[in-house]
Amino acid sequence: MGVTRIVALQVGSKMSEMGIPNNNMRAGTRIDDYFIDQNKGDIQRGIIQYSGGHGKPYYDHIKACECCLSKRDKDKAKGKNTASLYECLEEAKGH
């Protein structure tokens, strides 16, 4: 998620742990939550603030990933073959 050293420290993580995808996503979503709270629950404005005001494309990537993961979970619940986490992340890169 492009977590900086300062952000990692703010959420109680070490920068050396940011190369581990789960740690990176956890730190990024914690700081996203902070900015969303600061914007009274407005997700798009919070993510735009997180990315320094250039967040519309970033928000679109996150939304695409969320949609893919949501579909994946619904398919899995129905016993259907599902996309992998990495396929969802790759799909988000393409938006």
PDB file of N, CA and C in Angstrom:
ATOM      1  N   MET A   1       0.810  -1.192   0.000  1.00  0.00           N
ATOM      2  CA  MET A   1       0.000   0.000   0.000  1.00  0.00           C
ATOM      3  C   MET A   1       0.852   1.254   0.000  1.00  0.00           C
ATOM      4  N   GLY A   2       2.129   1.136  -0.119  1.00  0.00           N
ATOM      5  CA  GLY A   2       2.978   2.322  -0.141  1.00  0.00           C
ATOM      6  C   GLY A   2       3.095   2.963   1.223  1.00  0.00           C
ATOM      7  N   VAL A   3       3.178   2.148   2.257  1.00  0.00           N
ATOM      8  CA  VAL A   3       3.269   2.653   3.622  1.00  0.00           C
ATOM      9  C   VAL A   3       4.656   3.233   3.855  1.00  0.00           C
ATOM     10  N   THR A   4       4.698   4.459   4.350  1.00  0.00           N
ATOM     11  CA  THR A   4       5.972   5.103   4.664  1.00  0.00           C
ATOM     12  C   THR A   4       6.422   4.711   6.064  1.00  0.00           C
ATOM     13  N   ARG A   5       7.662   5.030   6.366  1.00  0.00           N
ATOM     14  CA  ARG A   5       8.213   4.715   7.696  1.00  0.00           C
ATOM     15  C   ARG A   5       7.410   5.406   8.788  1.00  0.00           C
ATOM     16  N   ILE A   6       7.028   6.647   8.548  1.00  0.00           N
ATOM     17  CA  ILE A   6       6.274   7.403   9.555  1.00  0.00           C
ATOM     18  C   ILE A   6       4.909   6.765   9.793  1.00  0.00           C
ATOM     19  N   VAL A   7       4.245   6.365   8.717  1.00  0.00           N
ATOM     20  CA  VAL A   7       2.936   5.709   8.855  1.00  0.00           C
ATOM     21  C   VAL A   7       3.096   4.388   9.600  1.00  0.00           C
ATOM     22  N   ALA A   8       4.111   3.617   9.245  1.00  0.00           N
ATOM     23  CA  ALA A   8       4.355   2.346   9.930  1.00  0.00           C
ATOM     24  C   ALA A   8       4.516   2.579  11.429  1.00  0.00           C
ATOM     25  N   LEU A   9       5.283   3.584  11.797  1.00  0.00           N
ATOM     26  CA  LEU A   9       5.489   3.895  13.214  1.00  0.00           C
ATOM     27  C   LEU A   9       4.188   4.352  13.873  1.00  0.00           C
ATOM     28  N   GLN A  10       3.387   5.138  13.158  1.00  0.00           N
ATOM     29  CA  GLN A  10       2.123   5.630  13.703  1.00  0.00           C
ATOM     30  C   GLN A  10       1.164   4.499  14.052  1.00  0.00           C
ATOM     31  N   VAL A  11       1.222   3.426  13.313  1.00  0.00           N
ATOM     32  CA  VAL A  11       0.314   2.306  13.579  1.00  0.00           C
ATOM     33  C   VAL A  11       0.993   1.188  14.369  1.00  0.00           C
ATOM     34  N   GLY A  12       2.184   1.459  14.885  1.00  0.00           N
ATOM     35  CA  GLY A  12       2.871   0.509  15.748  1.00  0.00           C
ATOM     36  C   GLY A  12       3.579  -0.618  15.031  1.00  0.00           C
ATOM     37  N   SER A  13       3.996  -0.386  13.794  1.00  0.00           N
ATOM     38  CA  SER A  13       4.716  -1.407  13.027  1.00  0.00           C
ATOM     39  C   SER A  13       6.140  -0.939  12.756  1.00  0.00           C
ATOM     40  N   LYS A  14       6.963  -1.853  12.312  1.00  0.00           N
ATOM     41  CA  LYS A  14       8.329  -1.529  11.912  1.00  0.00           C
ATOM     42  C   LYS A  14       8.403  -1.504  10.398  1.00  0.00           C
ATOM     43  N   MET A  15       9.173  -0.584   9.868  1.00  0.00           N
ATOM     44  CA  MET A  15       9.302  -0.487   8.411  1.00  0.00           C
ATOM     45  C   MET A  15       9.858  -1.781   7.831  1.00  0.00           C
ATOM     46  N   SER A  16      10.700  -2.460   8.581  1.00  0.00           N
ATOM     47  CA  SER A  16      11.277  -3.721   8.099  1.00  0.00           C
ATOM     48  C   SER A  16      10.207  -4.795   7.899  1.00  0.00           C
ATOM     49  N   GLU A  17       9.025  -4.616   8.501  1.00  0.00           N
ATOM     50  CA  GLU A  17       7.936  -5.574   8.358  1.00  0.00           C
ATOM     51  C   GLU A  17       7.017  -5.241   7.190  1.00  0.00           C
ATOM     52  N   MET A  18       7.221  -4.100   6.542  1.00  0.00           N
ATOM     53  CA  MET A  18       6.305  -3.654   5.495  1.00  0.00           C
ATOM     54  C   MET A  18       6.463  -4.421   4.187  1.00  0.00           C
ATOM     55  N   GLY A  19       7.536  -5.200   4.056  1.00  0.00           N
ATOM     56  CA  GLY A  19       7.712  -6.045   2.883  1.00  0.00           C
ATOM     57  C   GLY A  19       6.847  -7.298   2.936  1.00  0.00           C
ATOM     58  N   ILE A  20       6.268  -7.576   4.092  1.00  0.00           N
ATOM     59  CA  ILE A  20       5.374  -8.721   4.262  1.00  0.00           C
ATOM     60  C   ILE A  20       3.966  -8.233   3.924  1.00  0.00           C
ATOM     61  N   PRO A  21       3.361  -8.764   2.847  1.00  0.00           N
ATOM     62  CA  PRO A  21       2.079  -8.221   2.378  1.00  0.00           C
ATOM     63  C   PRO A  21       1.011  -8.048   3.456  1.00  0.00           C
ATOM     64  N   ASN A  22       0.834  -9.044   4.319  1.00  0.00           N
ATOM     65  CA  ASN A  22      -0.205  -8.926   5.350  1.00  0.00           C
ATOM     66  C   ASN A  22       0.084  -7.766   6.296  1.00  0.00           C
ATOM     67  N   ASN A  23       1.324  -7.580   6.683  1.00  0.00           N
ATOM     68  CA  ASN A  23       1.683  -6.482   7.579  1.00  0.00           C
ATOM     69  C   ASN A  23       1.473  -5.137   6.887  1.00  0.00           C
ATOM     70  N   ASN A  24       1.853  -5.078   5.616  1.00  0.00           N
ATOM     71  CA  ASN A  24       1.713  -3.848   4.855  1.00  0.00           C
ATOM     72  C   ASN A  24       0.241  -3.468   4.722  1.00  0.00           C
ATOM     73  N   MET A  25      -0.604  -4.426   4.349  1.00  0.00           N
ATOM     74  CA  MET A  25      -2.034  -4.154   4.200  1.00  0.00           C
ATOM     75  C   MET A  25      -2.658  -3.772   5.532  1.00  0.00           C
ATOM     76  N   ARG A  26      -2.239  -4.436   6.611  1.00  0.00           N
ATOM     77  CA  ARG A  26      -2.780  -4.123   7.936  1.00  0.00           C
ATOM     78  C   ARG A  26      -2.428  -2.693   8.324  1.00  0.00           C
ATOM     79  N   ALA A  27      -1.187  -2.295   8.125  1.00  0.00           N
ATOM     80  CA  ALA A  27      -0.770  -0.927   8.454  1.00  0.00           C
ATOM     81  C   ALA A  27      -1.495   0.085   7.573  1.00  0.00           C
ATOM     82  N   GLY A  28      -1.600  -0.212   6.293  1.00  0.00           N
ATOM     83  CA  GLY A  28      -2.275   0.700   5.375  1.00  0.00           C
ATOM     84  C   GLY A  28      -3.747   0.876   5.701  1.00  0.00           C
ATOM     85  N   THR A  29      -4.413  -0.218   6.061  1.00  0.00           N
ATOM     86  CA  THR A  29      -5.831  -0.096   6.382  1.00  0.00           C
ATOM     87  C   THR A  29      -6.041   0.606   7.715  1.00  0.00           C
ATOM     88  N   ARG A  30      -5.110   0.453   8.646  1.00  0.00           N
ATOM     89  CA  ARG A  30      -5.230   1.200   9.914  1.00  0.00           C
ATOM     90  C   ARG A  30      -5.155   2.699   9.671  1.00  0.00           C
ATOM     91  N   ILE A  31      -4.208   3.122   8.843  1.00  0.00           N
ATOM     92  CA  ILE A  31      -4.082   4.556   8.585  1.00  0.00           C
ATOM     93  C   ILE A  31      -5.240   5.038   7.724  1.00  0.00           C
ATOM     94  N   ASP A  32      -5.724   4.185   6.803  1.00  0.00           N
ATOM     95  CA  ASP A  32      -6.923   4.543   6.038  1.00  0.00           C
ATOM     96  C   ASP A  32      -8.101   4.769   6.992  1.00  0.00           C
ATOM     97  N   ASP A  33      -8.272   3.864   7.950  1.00  0.00           N
ATOM     98  CA  ASP A  33      -9.357   4.016   8.933  1.00  0.00           C
ATOM     99  C   ASP A  33      -9.260   5.344   9.668  1.00  0.00           C
ATOM    100  N   TYR A  34      -8.033   5.723  10.021  1.00  0.00           N
ATOM    101  CA  TYR A  34      -7.820   6.994  10.713  1.00  0.00           C
ATOM    102  C   TYR A  34      -8.323   8.163   9.848  1.00  0.00           C
ATOM    103  N   PHE A  35      -7.926   8.187   8.573  1.00  0.00           N
ATOM    104  CA  PHE A  35      -8.337   9.284   7.698  1.00  0.00           C
ATOM    105  C   PHE A  35      -9.838   9.246   7.387  1.00  0.00           C
ATOM    106  N   ILE A  36     -10.398   8.056   7.299  1.00  0.00           N
ATOM    107  CA  ILE A  36     -11.846   7.938   7.081  1.00  0.00           C
ATOM    108  C   ILE A  36     -12.590   8.495   8.297  1.00  0.00           C
ATOM    109  N   ASP A  37     -12.113   8.152   9.490  1.00  0.00           N
ATOM    110  CA  ASP A  37     -12.713   8.712  10.710  1.00  0.00           C
ATOM    111  C   ASP A  37     -12.602  10.232  10.728  1.00  0.00           C
ATOM    112  N   GLN A  38     -11.441  10.756  10.320  1.00  0.00           N
ATOM    113  CA  GLN A  38     -11.243  12.210  10.286  1.00  0.00           C
ATOM    114  C   GLN A  38     -12.197  12.889   9.308  1.00  0.00           C
ATOM    115  N   ASN A  39     -12.653  12.154   8.305  1.00  0.00           N
ATOM    116  CA  ASN A  39     -13.574  12.680   7.300  1.00  0.00           C
ATOM    117  C   ASN A  39     -15.008  12.208   7.544  1.00  0.00           C
ATOM    118  N   LYS A  40     -15.309  11.948   8.812  1.00  0.00           N
ATOM    119  CA  LYS A  40     -16.671  11.592   9.245  1.00  0.00           C
ATOM    120  C   LYS A  40     -17.269  10.421   8.464  1.00  0.00           C
ATOM    121  N   GLY A  41     -16.448   9.411   8.215  1.00  0.00           N
ATOM    122  CA  GLY A  41     -16.927   8.196   7.564  1.00  0.00           C
ATOM    123  C   GLY A  41     -16.932   8.222   6.049  1.00  0.00           C
ATOM    124  N   ASP A  42     -16.521   9.340   5.448  1.00  0.00           N
ATOM    125  CA  ASP A  42     -16.488   9.428   3.981  1.00  0.00           C
ATOM    126  C   ASP A  42     -15.258   8.664   3.476  1.00  0.00           C
ATOM    127  N   ILE A  43     -15.492   7.465   2.965  1.00  0.00           N
ATOM    128  CA  ILE A  43     -14.389   6.582   2.571  1.00  0.00           C
ATOM    129  C   ILE A  43     -13.553   7.198   1.458  1.00  0.00           C
ATOM    130  N   GLN A  44     -14.208   7.708   0.438  1.00  0.00           N
ATOM    131  CA  GLN A  44     -13.458   8.248  -0.691  1.00  0.00           C
ATOM    132  C   GLN A  44     -12.593   9.430  -0.255  1.00  0.00           C
ATOM    133  N   ARG A  45     -13.147  10.352   0.527  1.00  0.00           N
ATOM    134  CA  ARG A  45     -12.363  11.511   0.982  1.00  0.00           C
ATOM    135  C   ARG A  45     -11.214  11.067   1.892  1.00  0.00           C
ATOM    136  N   GLY A  46     -11.459  10.070   2.735  1.00  0.00           N
ATOM    137  CA  GLY A  46     -10.413   9.576   3.626  1.00  0.00           C
ATOM    138  C   GLY A  46      -9.245   8.984   2.855  1.00  0.00           C
ATOM    139  N   ILE A  47      -9.548   8.204   1.826  1.00  0.00           N
ATOM    140  CA  ILE A  47      -8.487   7.589   1.028  1.00  0.00           C
ATOM    141  C   ILE A  47      -7.765   8.637   0.191  1.00  0.00           C
ATOM    142  N   ILE A  48      -8.520   9.626  -0.297  1.00  0.00           N
ATOM    143  CA  ILE A  48      -7.873  10.710  -1.038  1.00  0.00           C
ATOM    144  C   ILE A  48      -6.911  11.460  -0.122  1.00  0.00           C
ATOM    145  N   GLN A  49      -7.308  11.693   1.109  1.00  0.00           N
ATOM    146  CA  GLN A  49      -6.426  12.375   2.063  1.00  0.00           C
ATOM    147  C   GLN A  49      -5.202  11.510   2.358  1.00  0.00           C
ATOM    148  N   TYR A  50      -5.414  10.208   2.498  1.00  0.00           N
ATOM    149  CA  TYR A  50      -4.308   9.278   2.750  1.00  0.00           C
ATOM    150  C   TYR A  50      -3.244   9.383   1.661  1.00  0.00           C
ATOM    151  N   SER A  51      -3.697   9.553   0.420  1.00  0.00           N
ATOM    152  CA  SER A  51      -2.748   9.573  -0.688  1.00  0.00           C
ATOM    153  C   SER A  51      -2.331  10.991  -1.078  1.00  0.00           C
ATOM    154  N   GLY A  52      -2.470  11.920  -0.164  1.00  0.00           N
ATOM    155  CA  GLY A  52      -1.982  13.273  -0.389  1.00  0.00           C
ATOM    156  C   GLY A  52      -2.784  14.064  -1.398  1.00  0.00           C
ATOM    157  N   GLY A  53      -4.067  13.748  -1.536  1.00  0.00           N
ATOM    158  CA  GLY A  53      -4.912  14.512  -2.436  1.00  0.00           C
ATOM    159  C   GLY A  53      -4.981  13.966  -3.847  1.00  0.00           C
ATOM    160  N   HIS A  54      -4.268  12.885  -4.099  1.00  0.00           N
ATOM    161  CA  HIS A  54      -4.267  12.294  -5.440  1.00  0.00           C
ATOM    162  C   HIS A  54      -4.963  10.941  -5.404  1.00  0.00           C
ATOM    163  N   GLY A  55      -6.016  10.847  -4.617  1.00  0.00           N
ATOM    164  CA  GLY A  55      -6.577   9.549  -4.282  1.00  0.00           C
ATOM    165  C   GLY A  55      -7.616   8.959  -5.179  1.00  0.00           C
ATOM    166  N   LYS A  56      -8.169   9.677  -6.148  1.00  0.00           N
ATOM    167  CA  LYS A  56      -9.230   9.083  -6.960  1.00  0.00           C
ATOM    168  C   LYS A  56      -8.762   7.805  -7.654  1.00  0.00           C
ATOM    169  N   PRO A  57      -7.633   7.820  -8.361  1.00  0.00           N
ATOM    170  CA  PRO A  57      -7.186   6.552  -8.957  1.00  0.00           C
ATOM    171  C   PRO A  57      -6.888   5.493  -7.887  1.00  0.00           C
ATOM    172  N   TYR A  58      -6.305   5.906  -6.767  1.00  0.00           N
ATOM    173  CA  TYR A  58      -5.985   4.981  -5.687  1.00  0.00           C
ATOM    174  C   TYR A  58      -7.261   4.378  -5.121  1.00  0.00           C
ATOM    175  N   TYR A  59      -8.262   5.229  -4.895  1.00  0.00           N
ATOM    176  CA  TYR A  59      -9.553   4.757  -4.397  1.00  0.00           C
ATOM    177  C   TYR A  59     -10.159   3.750  -5.374  1.00  0.00           C
ATOM    178  N   ASP A  60     -10.075   4.032  -6.665  1.00  0.00           N
ATOM    179  CA  ASP A  60     -10.621   3.129  -7.670  1.00  0.00           C
ATOM    180  C   ASP A  60      -9.953   1.754  -7.614  1.00  0.00           C
ATOM    181  N   HIS A  61      -8.641   1.724  -7.377  1.00  0.00           N
ATOM    182  CA  HIS A  61      -7.919   0.451  -7.263  1.00  0.00           C
ATOM    183  C   HIS A  61      -8.404  -0.332  -6.048  1.00  0.00           C
ATOM    184  N   ILE A  62      -8.538   0.360  -4.928  1.00  0.00           N
ATOM    185  CA  ILE A  62      -8.991  -0.308  -3.705  1.00  0.00           C
ATOM    186  C   ILE A  62     -10.419  -0.826  -3.886  1.00  0.00           C
ATOM    187  N   LYS A  63     -11.270  -0.025  -4.496  1.00  0.00           N
ATOM    188  CA  LYS A  63     -12.663  -0.424  -4.717  1.00  0.00           C
ATOM    189  C   LYS A  63     -12.726  -1.650  -5.631  1.00  0.00           C
ATOM    190  N   ALA A  64     -11.899  -1.687  -6.670  1.00  0.00           N
ATOM    191  CA  ALA A  64     -11.867  -2.851  -7.569  1.00  0.00           C
ATOM    192  C   ALA A  64     -11.440  -4.102  -6.813  1.00  0.00           C
ATOM    193  N   CYS A  65     -10.452  -3.964  -5.943  1.00  0.00           N
ATOM    194  CA  CYS A  65      -9.986  -5.097  -5.141  1.00  0.00           C
ATOM    195  C   CYS A  65     -11.095  -5.557  -4.194  1.00  0.00           C
ATOM    196  N   GLU A  66     -11.765  -4.597  -3.563  1.00  0.00           N
ATOM    197  CA  GLU A  66     -12.862  -4.932  -2.656  1.00  0.00           C
ATOM    198  C   GLU A  66     -13.960  -5.694  -3.393  1.00  0.00           C
ATOM    199  N   CYS A  67     -14.324  -5.234  -4.587  1.00  0.00           N
ATOM    200  CA  CYS A  67     -15.373  -5.902  -5.376  1.00  0.00           C
ATOM    201  C   CYS A  67     -14.967  -7.327  -5.734  1.00  0.00           C
ATOM    202  N   CYS A  68     -13.730  -7.504  -6.148  1.00  0.00           N
ATOM    203  CA  CYS A  68     -13.234  -8.839  -6.503  1.00  0.00           C
ATOM    204  C   CYS A  68     -13.258  -9.758  -5.285  1.00  0.00           C
ATOM    205  N   LEU A  69     -12.789  -9.259  -4.140  1.00  0.00           N
ATOM    206  CA  LEU A  69     -12.764 -10.079  -2.930  1.00  0.00           C
ATOM    207  C   LEU A  69     -14.173 -10.419  -2.460  1.00  0.00           C
ATOM    208  N   SER A  70     -15.093  -9.469  -2.585  1.00  0.00           N
ATOM    209  CA  SER A  70     -16.483  -9.709  -2.202  1.00  0.00           C
ATOM    210  C   SER A  70     -17.098 -10.804  -3.082  1.00  0.00           C
ATOM    211  N   LYS A  71     -16.878 -10.702  -4.395  1.00  0.00           N
ATOM    212  CA  LYS A  71     -17.379 -11.716  -5.317  1.00  0.00           C
ATOM    213  C   LYS A  71     -16.748 -13.063  -5.008  1.00  0.00           C
ATOM    214  N   ARG A  72     -15.470 -13.055  -4.704  1.00  0.00           N
ATOM    215  CA  ARG A  72     -14.743 -14.277  -4.372  1.00  0.00           C
ATOM    216  C   ARG A  72     -15.377 -14.950  -3.155  1.00  0.00           C
ATOM    217  N   ASP A  73     -15.696 -14.150  -2.117  1.00  0.00           N
ATOM    218  CA  ASP A  73     -16.298 -14.707  -0.907  1.00  0.00           C
ATOM    219  C   ASP A  73     -17.690 -15.276  -1.178  1.00  0.00           C
ATOM    220  N   LYS A  74     -18.484 -14.572  -2.002  1.00  0.00           N
ATOM    221  CA  LYS A  74     -19.825 -15.059  -2.343  1.00  0.00           C
ATOM    222  C   LYS A  74     -19.744 -16.357  -3.143  1.00  0.00           C
ATOM    223  N   ASP A  75     -18.819 -16.407  -4.106  1.00  0.00           N
ATOM    224  CA  ASP A  75     -18.640 -17.622  -4.904  1.00  0.00           C
ATOM    225  C   ASP A  75     -18.203 -18.786  -4.017  1.00  0.00           C
ATOM    226  N   LYS A  76     -17.293 -18.500  -3.118  1.00  0.00           N
ATOM    227  CA  LYS A  76     -16.783 -19.541  -2.223  1.00  0.00           C
ATOM    228  C   LYS A  76     -17.908 -20.093  -1.353  1.00  0.00           C
ATOM    229  N   ALA A  77     -18.779 -19.204  -0.850  1.00  0.00           N
ATOM    230  CA  ALA A  77     -19.905 -19.630  -0.021  1.00  0.00           C
ATOM    231  C   ALA A  77     -20.874 -20.516  -0.807  1.00  0.00           C
ATOM    232  N   LYS A  78     -20.946 -20.305  -2.113  1.00  0.00           N
ATOM    233  CA  LYS A  78     -21.830 -21.117  -2.971  1.00  0.00           C
ATOM    234  C   LYS A  78     -21.127 -22.373  -3.473  1.00  0.00           C
ATOM    235  N   GLY A  79     -19.867 -22.583  -3.057  1.00  0.00           N
ATOM    236  CA  GLY A  79     -19.130 -23.765  -3.476  1.00  0.00           C
ATOM    237  C   GLY A  79     -18.529 -23.649  -4.862  1.00  0.00           C
ATOM    238  N   LYS A  80     -18.513 -22.438  -5.404  1.00  0.00           N
ATOM    239  CA  LYS A  80     -17.945 -22.234  -6.738  1.00  0.00           C
ATOM    240  C   LYS A  80     -16.444 -22.018  -6.640  1.00  0.00           C
ATOM    241  N   ASN A  81     -15.757 -22.290  -7.751  1.00  0.00           N
ATOM    242  CA  ASN A  81     -14.329 -22.016  -7.842  1.00  0.00           C
ATOM    243  C   ASN A  81     -14.134 -20.501  -7.718  1.00  0.00           C
ATOM    244  N   THR A  82     -13.186 -20.075  -6.926  1.00  0.00           N
ATOM    245  CA  THR A  82     -13.023 -18.650  -6.660  1.00  0.00           C
ATOM    246  C   THR A  82     -11.676 -18.141  -7.127  1.00  0.00           C
ATOM    247  N   ALA A  83     -11.629 -16.830  -7.339  1.00  0.00           N
ATOM    248  CA  ALA A  83     -10.363 -16.179  -7.673  1.00  0.00           C
ATOM    249  C   ALA A  83      -9.462 -16.227  -6.447  1.00  0.00           C
ATOM    250  N   SER A  84      -8.179 -16.262  -6.690  1.00  0.00           N
ATOM    251  CA  SER A  84      -7.245 -16.206  -5.573  1.00  0.00           C
ATOM    252  C   SER A  84      -7.086 -14.758  -5.128  1.00  0.00           C
ATOM    253  N   LEU A  85      -6.553 -14.573  -3.959  1.00  0.00           N
ATOM    254  CA  LEU A  85      -6.282 -13.223  -3.458  1.00  0.00           C
ATOM    255  C   LEU A  85      -5.403 -12.475  -4.443  1.00  0.00           C
ATOM    256  N   TYR A  86      -4.404 -13.149  -4.984  1.00  0.00           N
ATOM    257  CA  TYR A  86      -3.485 -12.494  -5.914  1.00  0.00           C
ATOM    258  C   TYR A  86      -4.179 -12.101  -7.215  1.00  0.00           C
ATOM    259  N   GLU A  87      -5.150 -12.907  -7.660  1.00  0.00           N
ATOM    260  CA  GLU A  87      -5.911 -12.533  -8.856  1.00  0.00           C
ATOM    261  C   GLU A  87      -6.717 -11.261  -8.606  1.00  0.00           C
ATOM    262  N   CYS A  88      -7.277 -11.137  -7.404  1.00  0.00           N
ATOM    263  CA  CYS A  88      -8.012  -9.910  -7.063  1.00  0.00           C
ATOM    264  C   CYS A  88      -7.080  -8.711  -7.039  1.00  0.00           C
ATOM    265  N   LEU A  89      -5.902  -8.881  -6.492  1.00  0.00           N
ATOM    266  CA  LEU A  89      -4.940  -7.777  -6.443  1.00  0.00           C
ATOM    267  C   LEU A  89      -4.491  -7.403  -7.858  1.00  0.00           C
ATOM    268  N   GLU A  90      -4.278  -8.403  -8.709  1.00  0.00           N
ATOM    269  CA  GLU A  90      -3.888  -8.123 -10.099  1.00  0.00           C
ATOM    270  C   GLU A  90      -5.003  -7.405 -10.836  1.00  0.00           C
ATOM    271  N   GLU A  91      -6.245  -7.801 -10.576  1.00  0.00           N
ATOM    272  CA  GLU A  91      -7.370  -7.133 -11.222  1.00  0.00           C
ATOM    273  C   GLU A  91      -7.422  -5.667 -10.800  1.00  0.00           C
ATOM    274  N   ALA A  92      -7.150  -5.389  -9.537  1.00  0.00           N
ATOM    275  CA  ALA A  92      -7.162  -4.010  -9.046  1.00  0.00           C
ATOM    276  C   ALA A  92      -6.082  -3.184  -9.721  1.00  0.00           C
ATOM    277  N   LYS A  93      -4.941  -3.769 -10.013  1.00  0.00           N
ATOM    278  CA  LYS A  93      -3.863  -3.026 -10.694  1.00  0.00           C
ATOM    279  C   LYS A  93      -4.276  -2.576 -12.080  1.00  0.00           C
ATOM    280  N   GLY A  94      -5.152  -3.347 -12.707  1.00  0.00           N
ATOM    281  CA  GLY A  94      -5.561  -3.052 -14.071  1.00  0.00           C
ATOM    282  C   GLY A  94      -6.560  -1.912 -14.190  1.00  0.00           C
ATOM    283  N   HIS A  95      -7.113  -1.458 -13.088  1.00  0.00           N
ATOM    284  CA  HIS A  95      -8.121  -0.381 -13.153  1.00  0.00           C
ATOM    285  C   HIS A  95      -7.484   0.968 -13.081  1.00  0.00           C
TER     286      HIS A  95
END
